[in-house]
Amino acid sequence: MRRHDWTGFGALAAFIVSVIALACGSLGWAFVWFVMSAGAALLTRYWSVKYPAPMPHLLRWTLLVPRGTHSPDHLKQILEPHGGERILEIGPGVGIHSLPVASAVAPDGQLDVLDVQQAMLDDVLRKASQAGIANITAKQADAQKLPYGDQVFDAAYLIGVLGEIPDGRATLRELRRVLKPNGRLVVGEVFFDPDFIALGSLTDRTREAGFAYERKVGGALTYLARFRPA
């Protein structure tokens, strides 16, 4: 696992102990454990930003935790997938968004899913097969150098992934290259991810890559933001 996974679980454990201590009336110990939790959380944030890396396949179960506006319905609301389109998903995880989006562009459309971990892609394809969905194409590759031609996608999206990529700016430039002139890009972020990117920072990064901000779903701490090629 990544080093910040260990400190992240440590922060969560310390917070739970502090709550238990508070419930038992031990204010002193509750404060001590809370301080330890806060310290571990800060260290988790520091390491996740300094040493970005993809979520290990071992931790894929954490993707099943509800994430508010990151639901498939919210994604489809802002992405607006249409039948016959070709869409790219970077970092599909276990396919929570992949299957609904692939269904939305069927039968003539296609969803391309890309990940550096073949195990994640295998999970998506297995679930798609079980659901009878046949229009998902998987490719193991680095998002910093997308293995696709110019202007081939109608839309693309990344949910909780951009901060895990060592050079996220390179990925945004690549997305600008592979999207059609009228394409859409949706980026999702949630505050409890240690590599969370605030909307203001994301808007700056996408502007540098040649995108313009359109709108978002959600608030400052959990959002899906939509951009278009400028």
Foldseek 3Di string as FASTA:
>chain_A
DQPLVVLLVVLVVLQVVLVVCVVVVNPVSSVVSNVSSVVSLVVSLVRCQVQFADDDLVPLVVVPPDQPCVQLVNVCVVQVAAAQFEEEEEPCRQPRNPQVNLVRNPDNYAYEYEYQDVVRVVNNVVVCVVVVRDRYHYDHDALLADPDAFARGQEYEYAQPLSNHPCSLSSLLNVLGRHHQFHKYKYWFAQSPSSGDWPVRVQVSNVVSQWHWDDWPDDRHTIITMIGGD
